[in-house]
């Protein structure tokens, strides 16, 4: 996938078409989002929501959740992932590659209830992606600022 060209990425809102990006595509969407080149149909990816302050069933999940049982969020990374009734615990980290180039990391987090000094693991899973600064050109890094690439 050649992403070196300056193009505006637009995902059409087509009936019957599902949003099911693979890990590489998620990181390219994030890159385009940071560069201001991504246009999405309303409700596809939730913005300005901190998913880590919600218990999983309270999350605003977006339009496709009932069908696909998946929700997508653009949010800033947060170290404390504790909610009022539990926490998101880190389980695994995976490097994401496009051919031989590292694009970023994918962390898996599993929600656990913390009830009366007991930890009860659930089947709610979150994947947190972070993008590698190496996939940006020098000009792109300057345009968005280094603070987004940590």
C-alpha atoms as a PDB file:
ATOM      1  CA  UNK A   1       0.000   0.000   0.000  1.00  0.00           C
ATOM      2  CA  UNK A   2       1.733   3.208  -1.141  1.00  0.00           C
ATOM      3  CA  UNK A   3       0.774   6.011   1.231  1.00  0.00           C
ATOM      4  CA  UNK A   4       3.371   8.571   0.150  1.00  0.00           C
ATOM      5  CA  UNK A   5       1.011  10.682  -1.963  1.00  0.00           C
ATOM      6  CA  UNK A   6      -0.892  13.649  -0.539  1.00  0.00           C
ATOM      7  CA  UNK A   7      -4.508  12.650  -0.963  1.00  0.00           C
ATOM      8  CA  UNK A   8      -7.653  13.193   1.066  1.00  0.00           C
ATOM      9  CA  UNK A   9      -8.935   9.825   2.256  1.00  0.00           C
ATOM     10  CA  UNK A  10     -12.695   9.504   2.258  1.00  0.00           C
ATOM     11  CA  UNK A  11     -14.642   6.461   3.318  1.00  0.00           C
ATOM     12  CA  UNK A  12     -18.089   6.454   1.716  1.00  0.00           C
ATOM     13  CA  UNK A  13     -21.184   5.724   3.753  1.00  0.00           C
ATOM     14  CA  UNK A  14     -22.558   2.905   1.625  1.00  0.00           C
ATOM     15  CA  UNK A  15     -25.403   0.644   2.695  1.00  0.00           C
ATOM     16  CA  UNK A  16     -24.278  -2.945   3.098  1.00  0.00           C
ATOM     17  CA  UNK A  17     -20.587  -2.043   3.352  1.00  0.00           C
ATOM     18  CA  UNK A  18     -18.965  -2.823   6.688  1.00  0.00           C
ATOM     19  CA  UNK A  19     -15.997  -1.087   8.258  1.00  0.00           C
ATOM     20  CA  UNK A  20     -13.567  -3.917   9.064  1.00  0.00           C
ATOM     21  CA  UNK A  21     -10.028  -2.585   8.790  1.00  0.00           C
ATOM     22  CA  UNK A  22      -7.043  -4.815   9.419  1.00  0.00           C
ATOM     23  CA  UNK A  23      -4.282  -3.665  11.780  1.00  0.00           C
ATOM     24  CA  UNK A  24      -2.253  -1.953   9.024  1.00  0.00           C
ATOM     25  CA  UNK A  25      -5.307  -0.077   7.791  1.00  0.00           C
ATOM     26  CA  UNK A  26      -6.132   1.113  11.319  1.00  0.00           C
ATOM     27  CA  UNK A  27      -2.653   2.633  11.608  1.00  0.00           C
ATOM     28  CA  UNK A  28      -2.905   4.271   8.177  1.00  0.00           C
ATOM     29  CA  UNK A  29      -6.318   5.706   9.175  1.00  0.00           C
ATOM     30  CA  UNK A  30      -4.692   7.062  12.337  1.00  0.00           C
ATOM     31  CA  UNK A  31      -1.865   8.587  10.292  1.00  0.00           C
ATOM     32  CA  UNK A  32      -4.336  10.231   7.901  1.00  0.00           C
ATOM     33  CA  UNK A  33      -6.412  11.443  10.867  1.00  0.00           C
ATOM     34  CA  UNK A  34      -3.371  13.073  12.481  1.00  0.00           C
ATOM     35  CA  UNK A  35      -2.492  14.738   9.162  1.00  0.00           C
ATOM     36  CA  UNK A  36      -6.056  16.028   8.671  1.00  0.00           C
ATOM     37  CA  UNK A  37      -6.588  13.894   5.566  1.00  0.00           C
ATOM     38  CA  UNK A  38      -9.312  11.540   6.800  1.00  0.00           C
ATOM     39  CA  UNK A  39     -13.026  12.023   6.193  1.00  0.00           C
ATOM     40  CA  UNK A  40     -15.341   9.448   7.753  1.00  0.00           C
ATOM     41  CA  UNK A  41     -19.108   9.054   7.752  1.00  0.00           C
ATOM     42  CA  UNK A  42     -20.632  10.329  10.998  1.00  0.00           C
ATOM     43  CA  UNK A  43     -20.854   7.702  13.748  1.00  0.00           C
ATOM     44  CA  UNK A  44     -18.241   5.356  12.270  1.00  0.00           C
ATOM     45  CA  UNK A  45     -15.410   6.254  14.645  1.00  0.00           C
ATOM     46  CA  UNK A  46     -16.234   8.032  17.889  1.00  0.00           C
ATOM     47  CA  UNK A  47     -14.175  11.140  18.615  1.00  0.00           C
ATOM     48  CA  UNK A  48     -13.535  13.221  21.721  1.00  0.00           C
ATOM     49  CA  UNK A  49     -14.454  10.291  23.967  1.00  0.00           C
ATOM     50  CA  UNK A  50     -12.162   8.864  26.609  1.00  0.00           C
ATOM     51  CA  UNK A  51     -13.136   5.176  26.454  1.00  0.00           C
ATOM     52  CA  UNK A  52     -11.106   4.394  29.563  1.00  0.00           C
ATOM     53  CA  UNK A  53     -13.425   6.243  31.946  1.00  0.00           C
ATOM     54  CA  UNK A  54     -16.392   4.055  30.983  1.00  0.00           C
ATOM     55  CA  UNK A  55     -17.335   0.570  32.030  1.00  0.00           C
ATOM     56  CA  UNK A  56     -17.697  -1.372  28.735  1.00  0.00           C
ATOM     57  CA  UNK A  57     -21.499  -1.450  28.617  1.00  0.00           C
ATOM     58  CA  UNK A  58     -21.678   2.329  29.142  1.00  0.00           C
ATOM     59  CA  UNK A  59     -19.435   3.184  26.185  1.00  0.00           C
ATOM     60  CA  UNK A  60     -20.990   5.216  23.372  1.00  0.00           C
ATOM     61  CA  UNK A  61     -20.347   2.626  20.680  1.00  0.00           C
ATOM     62  CA  UNK A  62     -21.243   4.146  17.328  1.00  0.00           C
ATOM     63  CA  UNK A  63     -23.576   3.124  14.533  1.00  0.00           C
ATOM     64  CA  UNK A  64     -22.179  -0.277  13.574  1.00  0.00           C
ATOM     65  CA  UNK A  65     -21.848  -1.796  17.048  1.00  0.00           C
ATOM     66  CA  UNK A  66     -25.098  -3.750  17.147  1.00  0.00           C
ATOM     67  CA  UNK A  67     -24.195  -5.504  13.884  1.00  0.00           C
ATOM     68  CA  UNK A  68     -20.446  -6.050  14.278  1.00  0.00           C
ATOM     69  CA  UNK A  69     -19.937  -5.939  18.067  1.00  0.00           C
ATOM     70  CA  UNK A  70     -16.994  -3.581  17.513  1.00  0.00           C
ATOM     71  CA  UNK A  71     -16.531   0.090  18.329  1.00  0.00           C
ATOM     72  CA  UNK A  72     -13.722   2.412  17.204  1.00  0.00           C
ATOM     73  CA  UNK A  73     -12.431   5.530  18.994  1.00  0.00           C
ATOM     74  CA  UNK A  74      -9.832   8.204  18.317  1.00  0.00           C
ATOM     75  CA  UNK A  75      -8.464   9.215  21.718  1.00  0.00           C
ATOM     76  CA  UNK A  76      -5.269  10.283  23.411  1.00  0.00           C
ATOM     77  CA  UNK A  77      -3.251   7.625  25.181  1.00  0.00           C
ATOM     78  CA  UNK A  78      -3.822   7.399  28.907  1.00  0.00           C
ATOM     79  CA  UNK A  79      -1.800   5.550  31.531  1.00  0.00           C
ATOM     80  CA  UNK A  80      -4.601   5.173  34.081  1.00  0.00           C
ATOM     81  CA  UNK A  81      -7.258   2.912  32.628  1.00  0.00           C
ATOM     82  CA  UNK A  82      -9.430   2.596  35.718  1.00  0.00           C
ATOM     83  CA  UNK A  83     -13.201   3.002  35.592  1.00  0.00           C
ATOM     84  CA  UNK A  84     -15.624   3.366  38.498  1.00  0.00           C
ATOM     85  CA  UNK A  85     -16.202  -0.409  38.714  1.00  0.00           C
ATOM     86  CA  UNK A  86     -13.074  -1.975  37.230  1.00  0.00           C
ATOM     87  CA  UNK A  87     -10.048  -1.496  35.008  1.00  0.00           C
ATOM     88  CA  UNK A  88      -8.613  -2.220  31.560  1.00  0.00           C
ATOM     89  CA  UNK A  89      -5.581  -4.470  32.067  1.00  0.00           C
ATOM     90  CA  UNK A  90      -2.818  -4.895  29.487  1.00  0.00           C
ATOM     91  CA  UNK A  91      -2.349  -8.480  28.273  1.00  0.00           C
ATOM     92  CA  UNK A  92      -0.215  -8.454  25.091  1.00  0.00           C
ATOM     93  CA  UNK A  93       1.690  -6.114  22.776  1.00  0.00           C
ATOM     94  CA  UNK A  94       2.208  -6.831  19.092  1.00  0.00           C
ATOM     95  CA  UNK A  95       4.316  -4.992  16.492  1.00  0.00           C
ATOM     96  CA  UNK A  96       2.385  -4.164  13.314  1.00  0.00           C
ATOM     97  CA  UNK A  97       4.328  -4.346  10.042  1.00  0.00           C
ATOM     98  CA  UNK A  98       3.568  -3.422   6.439  1.00  0.00           C
ATOM     99  CA  UNK A  99       6.004  -5.596   4.524  1.00  0.00           C
ATOM    100  CA  UNK A 100       9.292  -5.013   6.402  1.00  0.00           C
ATOM    101  CA  UNK A 101       8.392  -1.582   7.814  1.00  0.00           C
ATOM    102  CA  UNK A 102       7.115  -1.203  11.353  1.00  0.00           C
ATOM    103  CA  UNK A 103       3.942   0.885  11.449  1.00  0.00           C
ATOM    104  CA  UNK A 104       3.275   0.825  15.168  1.00  0.00           C
ATOM    105  CA  UNK A 105       2.082  -1.217  18.118  1.00  0.00           C
ATOM    106  CA  UNK A 106      -1.158  -2.919  19.057  1.00  0.00           C
ATOM    107  CA  UNK A 107      -1.833  -3.452  22.762  1.00  0.00           C
ATOM    108  CA  UNK A 108      -4.599  -5.738  23.901  1.00  0.00           C
ATOM    109  CA  UNK A 109      -6.456  -4.757  27.054  1.00  0.00           C
ATOM    110  CA  UNK A 110      -9.079  -6.846  28.832  1.00  0.00           C
ATOM    111  CA  UNK A 111     -11.664  -5.351  31.152  1.00  0.00           C
ATOM    112  CA  UNK A 112     -11.896  -6.750  34.682  1.00  0.00           C
ATOM    113  CA  UNK A 113     -14.434  -5.949  37.355  1.00  0.00           C
ATOM    114  CA  UNK A 114     -13.040  -5.017  40.776  1.00  0.00           C
ATOM    115  CA  UNK A 115     -15.764  -6.081  43.196  1.00  0.00           C
ATOM    116  CA  UNK A 116     -15.216  -6.377  46.957  1.00  0.00           C
ATOM    117  CA  UNK A 117     -11.496  -7.091  46.702  1.00  0.00           C
ATOM    118  CA  UNK A 118     -12.037  -9.638  43.914  1.00  0.00           C
ATOM    119  CA  UNK A 119     -10.906  -9.295  40.308  1.00  0.00           C
ATOM    120  CA  UNK A 120     -13.321 -10.792  37.779  1.00  0.00           C
ATOM    121  CA  UNK A 121     -11.969 -10.940  34.215  1.00  0.00           C
ATOM    122  CA  UNK A 122     -14.547 -10.339  31.457  1.00  0.00           C
ATOM    123  CA  UNK A 123     -14.644 -11.018  27.711  1.00  0.00           C
ATOM    124  CA  UNK A 124     -14.562  -7.269  26.862  1.00  0.00           C
ATOM    125  CA  UNK A 125     -11.392  -6.647  24.830  1.00  0.00           C
ATOM    126  CA  UNK A 126      -9.910  -3.366  23.653  1.00  0.00           C
ATOM    127  CA  UNK A 127      -7.099  -2.931  21.132  1.00  0.00           C
ATOM    128  CA  UNK A 128      -5.054   0.224  21.544  1.00  0.00           C
ATOM    129  CA  UNK A 129      -2.913   1.259  18.587  1.00  0.00           C
ATOM    130  CA  UNK A 130       0.065   3.597  18.656  1.00  0.00           C
ATOM    131  CA  UNK A 131       1.745   4.767  15.505  1.00  0.00           C
ATOM    132  CA  UNK A 132       5.485   4.760  14.838  1.00  0.00           C
ATOM    133  CA  UNK A 133       7.000   8.171  14.057  1.00  0.00           C
ATOM    134  CA  UNK A 134       9.047   6.405  11.337  1.00  0.00           C
ATOM    135  CA  UNK A 135       6.047   6.197   8.970  1.00  0.00           C
ATOM    136  CA  UNK A 136       5.858   9.990   8.776  1.00  0.00           C
ATOM    137  CA  UNK A 137       8.087  12.121   6.596  1.00  0.00           C
ATOM    138  CA  UNK A 138      10.047  14.915   8.289  1.00  0.00           C
ATOM    139  CA  UNK A 139       7.562  17.424   6.881  1.00  0.00           C
ATOM    140  CA  UNK A 140       4.579  15.419   8.194  1.00  0.00           C
ATOM    141  CA  UNK A 141       6.154  15.183  11.675  1.00  0.00           C
ATOM    142  CA  UNK A 142       6.664  18.943  11.742  1.00  0.00           C
ATOM    143  CA  UNK A 143       3.099  19.597  10.590  1.00  0.00           C
ATOM    144  CA  UNK A 144       1.459  17.595  13.383  1.00  0.00           C
ATOM    145  CA  UNK A 145       4.045  18.096  16.117  1.00  0.00           C
ATOM    146  CA  UNK A 146       5.997  15.495  18.015  1.00  0.00           C
ATOM    147  CA  UNK A 147       3.488  15.402  20.910  1.00  0.00           C
ATOM    148  CA  UNK A 148       1.191  13.063  18.932  1.00  0.00           C
ATOM    149  CA  UNK A 149       3.984  10.630  18.168  1.00  0.00           C
ATOM    150  CA  UNK A 150       4.923   9.521  21.676  1.00  0.00           C
END
